[in-house]
Amino acid sequence: MSIRPYNELRKISSEKARELIRKIFEANNRNISKTAKTQELHHHYNFLQ
């Protein structure tokens, strides 16, 4: 199973993108920096909005 990157998924569905980030965030023990790096996000606020 492949997981689409956040930025790509957000273009399709912002709701699904947020759901993905929440799941990854929980899997990373609620570590924002690790979650951002996992999804190659440069700004933490991108997925917190």
PDB file of N, CA and C in Angstrom:
ATOM      1  N   MET A   1       0.849  -1.183   0.000  1.00  0.00           N
ATOM      2  CA  MET A   1       0.000   0.000   0.000  1.00  0.00           C
ATOM      3  C   MET A   1       0.891   1.241   0.000  1.00  0.00           C
ATOM      4  N   SER A   2       0.623   2.153  -0.894  1.00  0.00           N
ATOM      5  CA  SER A   2       1.395   3.395  -0.921  1.00  0.00           C
ATOM      6  C   SER A   2       0.537   4.527  -0.367  1.00  0.00           C
ATOM      7  N   ILE A   3       1.188   5.417   0.326  1.00  0.00           N
ATOM      8  CA  ILE A   3       0.504   6.570   0.902  1.00  0.00           C
ATOM      9  C   ILE A   3       0.876   7.789   0.081  1.00  0.00           C
ATOM     10  N   ARG A   4      -0.129   8.502  -0.371  1.00  0.00           N
ATOM     11  CA  ARG A   4       0.126   9.726  -1.135  1.00  0.00           C
ATOM     12  C   ARG A   4       0.697  10.792  -0.211  1.00  0.00           C
ATOM     13  N   PRO A   5       1.638  11.574  -0.710  1.00  0.00           N
ATOM     14  CA  PRO A   5       2.147  12.689   0.091  1.00  0.00           C
ATOM     15  C   PRO A   5       1.019  13.671   0.409  1.00  0.00           C
ATOM     16  N   TYR A   6       1.132  14.311   1.541  1.00  0.00           N
ATOM     17  CA  TYR A   6       0.117  15.258   2.003  1.00  0.00           C
ATOM     18  C   TYR A   6      -0.221  16.296   0.946  1.00  0.00           C
ATOM     19  N   ASN A   7       0.785  16.921   0.356  1.00  0.00           N
ATOM     20  CA  ASN A   7       0.536  18.001  -0.605  1.00  0.00           C
ATOM     21  C   ASN A   7      -0.237  17.511  -1.821  1.00  0.00           C
ATOM     22  N   GLU A   8       0.050  16.302  -2.258  1.00  0.00           N
ATOM     23  CA  GLU A   8      -0.670  15.729  -3.398  1.00  0.00           C
ATOM     24  C   GLU A   8      -2.109  15.389  -3.003  1.00  0.00           C
ATOM     25  N   LEU A   9      -2.266  14.797  -1.843  1.00  0.00           N
ATOM     26  CA  LEU A   9      -3.596  14.416  -1.377  1.00  0.00           C
ATOM     27  C   LEU A   9      -4.468  15.639  -1.120  1.00  0.00           C
ATOM     28  N   ARG A  10      -3.868  16.710  -0.630  1.00  0.00           N
ATOM     29  CA  ARG A  10      -4.638  17.926  -0.342  1.00  0.00           C
ATOM     30  C   ARG A  10      -5.263  18.513  -1.603  1.00  0.00           C
ATOM     31  N   LYS A  11      -4.594  18.359  -2.737  1.00  0.00           N
ATOM     32  CA  LYS A  11      -5.145  18.845  -4.002  1.00  0.00           C
ATOM     33  C   LYS A  11      -6.431  18.092  -4.363  1.00  0.00           C
ATOM     34  N   ILE A  12      -6.511  16.846  -3.945  1.00  0.00           N
ATOM     35  CA  ILE A  12      -7.674  16.008  -4.234  1.00  0.00           C
ATOM     36  C   ILE A  12      -8.769  16.219  -3.193  1.00  0.00           C
ATOM     37  N   SER A  13      -8.385  16.175  -1.909  1.00  0.00           N
ATOM     38  CA  SER A  13      -9.363  16.298  -0.829  1.00  0.00           C
ATOM     39  C   SER A  13      -8.664  16.805   0.436  1.00  0.00           C
ATOM     40  N   SER A  14      -8.987  18.019   0.834  1.00  0.00           N
ATOM     41  CA  SER A  14      -8.355  18.566   2.036  1.00  0.00           C
ATOM     42  C   SER A  14      -8.789  17.788   3.282  1.00  0.00           C
ATOM     43  N   GLU A  15     -10.002  17.275   3.269  1.00  0.00           N
ATOM     44  CA  GLU A  15     -10.492  16.487   4.411  1.00  0.00           C
ATOM     45  C   GLU A  15      -9.686  15.194   4.561  1.00  0.00           C
ATOM     46  N   LYS A  16      -9.448  14.507   3.467  1.00  0.00           N
ATOM     47  CA  LYS A  16      -8.658  13.268   3.506  1.00  0.00           C
ATOM     48  C   LYS A  16      -7.210  13.553   3.888  1.00  0.00           C
ATOM     49  N   ALA A  17      -6.688  14.686   3.436  1.00  0.00           N
ATOM     50  CA  ALA A  17      -5.325  15.064   3.785  1.00  0.00           C
ATOM     51  C   ALA A  17      -5.194  15.278   5.287  1.00  0.00           C
ATOM     52  N   ARG A  18      -6.160  15.978   5.879  1.00  0.00           N
ATOM     53  CA  ARG A  18      -6.132  16.192   7.337  1.00  0.00           C
ATOM     54  C   ARG A  18      -6.256  14.875   8.087  1.00  0.00           C
ATOM     55  N   GLU A  19      -7.097  13.980   7.590  1.00  0.00           N
ATOM     56  CA  GLU A  19      -7.266  12.668   8.220  1.00  0.00           C
ATOM     57  C   GLU A  19      -5.942  11.891   8.181  1.00  0.00           C
ATOM     58  N   LEU A  20      -5.261  11.931   7.053  1.00  0.00           N
ATOM     59  CA  LEU A  20      -3.968  11.265   6.922  1.00  0.00           C
ATOM     60  C   LEU A  20      -2.970  11.828   7.930  1.00  0.00           C
ATOM     61  N   ILE A  21      -2.884  13.146   8.012  1.00  0.00           N
ATOM     62  CA  ILE A  21      -1.937  13.782   8.929  1.00  0.00           C
ATOM     63  C   ILE A  21      -2.251  13.428  10.375  1.00  0.00           C
ATOM     64  N   ARG A  22      -3.526  13.417  10.722  1.00  0.00           N
ATOM     65  CA  ARG A  22      -3.894  13.041  12.101  1.00  0.00           C
ATOM     66  C   ARG A  22      -3.417  11.630  12.432  1.00  0.00           C
ATOM     67  N   LYS A  23      -3.584  10.707  11.492  1.00  0.00           N
ATOM     68  CA  LYS A  23      -3.160   9.321  11.724  1.00  0.00           C
ATOM     69  C   LYS A  23      -1.637   9.232  11.862  1.00  0.00           C
ATOM     70  N   ILE A  24      -0.926   9.921  10.990  1.00  0.00           N
ATOM     71  CA  ILE A  24       0.544   9.912  11.060  1.00  0.00           C
ATOM     72  C   ILE A  24       1.017  10.597  12.333  1.00  0.00           C
ATOM     73  N   PHE A  25       0.358  11.691  12.707  1.00  0.00           N
ATOM     74  CA  PHE A  25       0.674  12.427  13.926  1.00  0.00           C
ATOM     75  C   PHE A  25       0.538  11.515  15.150  1.00  0.00           C
ATOM     76  N   GLU A  26      -0.542  10.760  15.221  1.00  0.00           N
ATOM     77  CA  GLU A  26      -0.743   9.835  16.341  1.00  0.00           C
ATOM     78  C   GLU A  26       0.298   8.711  16.307  1.00  0.00           C
ATOM     79  N   ALA A  27       0.616   8.205  15.119  1.00  0.00           N
ATOM     80  CA  ALA A  27       1.614   7.137  14.985  1.00  0.00           C
ATOM     81  C   ALA A  27       3.006   7.619  15.399  1.00  0.00           C
ATOM     82  N   ASN A  28       3.241   8.930  15.282  1.00  0.00           N
ATOM     83  CA  ASN A  28       4.518   9.520  15.683  1.00  0.00           C
ATOM     84  C   ASN A  28       4.473  10.065  17.102  1.00  0.00           C
ATOM     85  N   ASN A  29       3.600   9.517  17.910  1.00  0.00           N
ATOM     86  CA  ASN A  29       3.465   9.927  19.313  1.00  0.00           C
ATOM     87  C   ASN A  29       3.234  11.426  19.458  1.00  0.00           C
ATOM     88  N   ARG A  30       2.415  11.969  18.541  1.00  0.00           N
ATOM     89  CA  ARG A  30       2.025  13.374  18.561  1.00  0.00           C
ATOM     90  C   ARG A  30       3.226  14.316  18.443  1.00  0.00           C
ATOM     91  N   ASN A  31       4.233  13.877  17.707  1.00  0.00           N
ATOM     92  CA  ASN A  31       5.436  14.678  17.474  1.00  0.00           C
ATOM     93  C   ASN A  31       5.271  15.450  16.162  1.00  0.00           C
ATOM     94  N   ILE A  32       5.087  16.757  16.259  1.00  0.00           N
ATOM     95  CA  ILE A  32       4.825  17.590  15.084  1.00  0.00           C
ATOM     96  C   ILE A  32       6.008  17.592  14.128  1.00  0.00           C
ATOM     97  N   SER A  33       7.214  17.749  14.642  1.00  0.00           N
ATOM     98  CA  SER A  33       8.396  17.810  13.782  1.00  0.00           C
ATOM     99  C   SER A  33       8.587  16.516  12.994  1.00  0.00           C
ATOM    100  N   LYS A  34       8.441  15.400  13.662  1.00  0.00           N
ATOM    101  CA  LYS A  34       8.611  14.111  12.988  1.00  0.00           C
ATOM    102  C   LYS A  34       7.530  13.909  11.928  1.00  0.00           C
ATOM    103  N   THR A  35       6.320  14.314  12.228  1.00  0.00           N
ATOM    104  CA  THR A  35       5.223  14.199  11.268  1.00  0.00           C
ATOM    105  C   THR A  35       5.484  15.071  10.054  1.00  0.00           C
ATOM    106  N   ALA A  36       5.942  16.278  10.273  1.00  0.00           N
ATOM    107  CA  ALA A  36       6.248  17.184   9.164  1.00  0.00           C
ATOM    108  C   ALA A  36       7.355  16.604   8.286  1.00  0.00           C
ATOM    109  N   LYS A  37       8.399  16.068   8.902  1.00  0.00           N
ATOM    110  CA  LYS A  37       9.503  15.482   8.139  1.00  0.00           C
ATOM    111  C   LYS A  37       9.035  14.258   7.352  1.00  0.00           C
ATOM    112  N   THR A  38       8.195  13.441   7.960  1.00  0.00           N
ATOM    113  CA  THR A  38       7.680  12.250   7.306  1.00  0.00           C
ATOM    114  C   THR A  38       6.959  12.600   6.015  1.00  0.00           C
ATOM    115  N   GLN A  39       6.225  13.681   6.035  1.00  0.00           N
ATOM    116  CA  GLN A  39       5.441  14.095   4.868  1.00  0.00           C
ATOM    117  C   GLN A  39       6.135  15.177   4.048  1.00  0.00           C
ATOM    118  N   GLU A  40       7.391  15.444   4.365  1.00  0.00           N
ATOM    119  CA  GLU A  40       8.199  16.434   3.655  1.00  0.00           C
ATOM    120  C   GLU A  40       7.531  17.810   3.644  1.00  0.00           C
ATOM    121  N   LEU A  41       6.974  18.184   4.788  1.00  0.00           N
ATOM    122  CA  LEU A  41       6.364  19.504   4.940  1.00  0.00           C
ATOM    123  C   LEU A  41       7.399  20.432   5.538  1.00  0.00           C
ATOM    124  N   HIS A  42       7.478  21.627   5.024  1.00  0.00           N
ATOM    125  CA  HIS A  42       8.467  22.576   5.503  1.00  0.00           C
ATOM    126  C   HIS A  42       7.914  23.474   6.603  1.00  0.00           C
ATOM    127  N   HIS A  43       6.619  23.584   6.680  1.00  0.00           N
ATOM    128  CA  HIS A  43       6.000  24.416   7.692  1.00  0.00           C
ATOM    129  C   HIS A  43       4.994  23.583   8.478  1.00  0.00           C
ATOM    130  N   HIS A  44       5.184  23.516   9.767  1.00  0.00           N
ATOM    131  CA  HIS A  44       4.305  22.700  10.610  1.00  0.00           C
ATOM    132  C   HIS A  44       2.853  23.135  10.503  1.00  0.00           C
ATOM    133  N   TYR A  45       2.629  24.419  10.305  1.00  0.00           N
ATOM    134  CA  TYR A  45       1.241  24.896  10.284  1.00  0.00           C
ATOM    135  C   TYR A  45       0.476  24.411   9.072  1.00  0.00           C
ATOM    136  N   ASN A  46       1.159  23.899   8.035  1.00  0.00           N
ATOM    137  CA  ASN A  46       0.460  23.424   6.843  1.00  0.00           C
ATOM    138  C   ASN A  46      -0.605  22.387   7.177  1.00  0.00           C
ATOM    139  N   PHE A  47      -0.305  21.485   8.082  1.00  0.00           N
ATOM    140  CA  PHE A  47      -1.265  20.432   8.343  1.00  0.00           C
ATOM    141  C   PHE A  47      -2.045  20.657   9.639  1.00  0.00           C
ATOM    142  N   LEU A  48      -1.764  21.722  10.326  1.00  0.00           N
ATOM    143  CA  LEU A  48      -2.513  22.001  11.551  1.00  0.00           C
ATOM    144  C   LEU A  48      -3.737  22.872  11.288  1.00  0.00           C
ATOM    145  N   GLN A  49      -3.847  23.393  10.104  1.00  0.00           N
ATOM    146  CA  GLN A  49      -4.972  24.268   9.771  1.00  0.00           C
ATOM    147  C   GLN A  49      -6.190  23.471   9.391  1.00  0.00           C
TER     148      GLN A  49
END
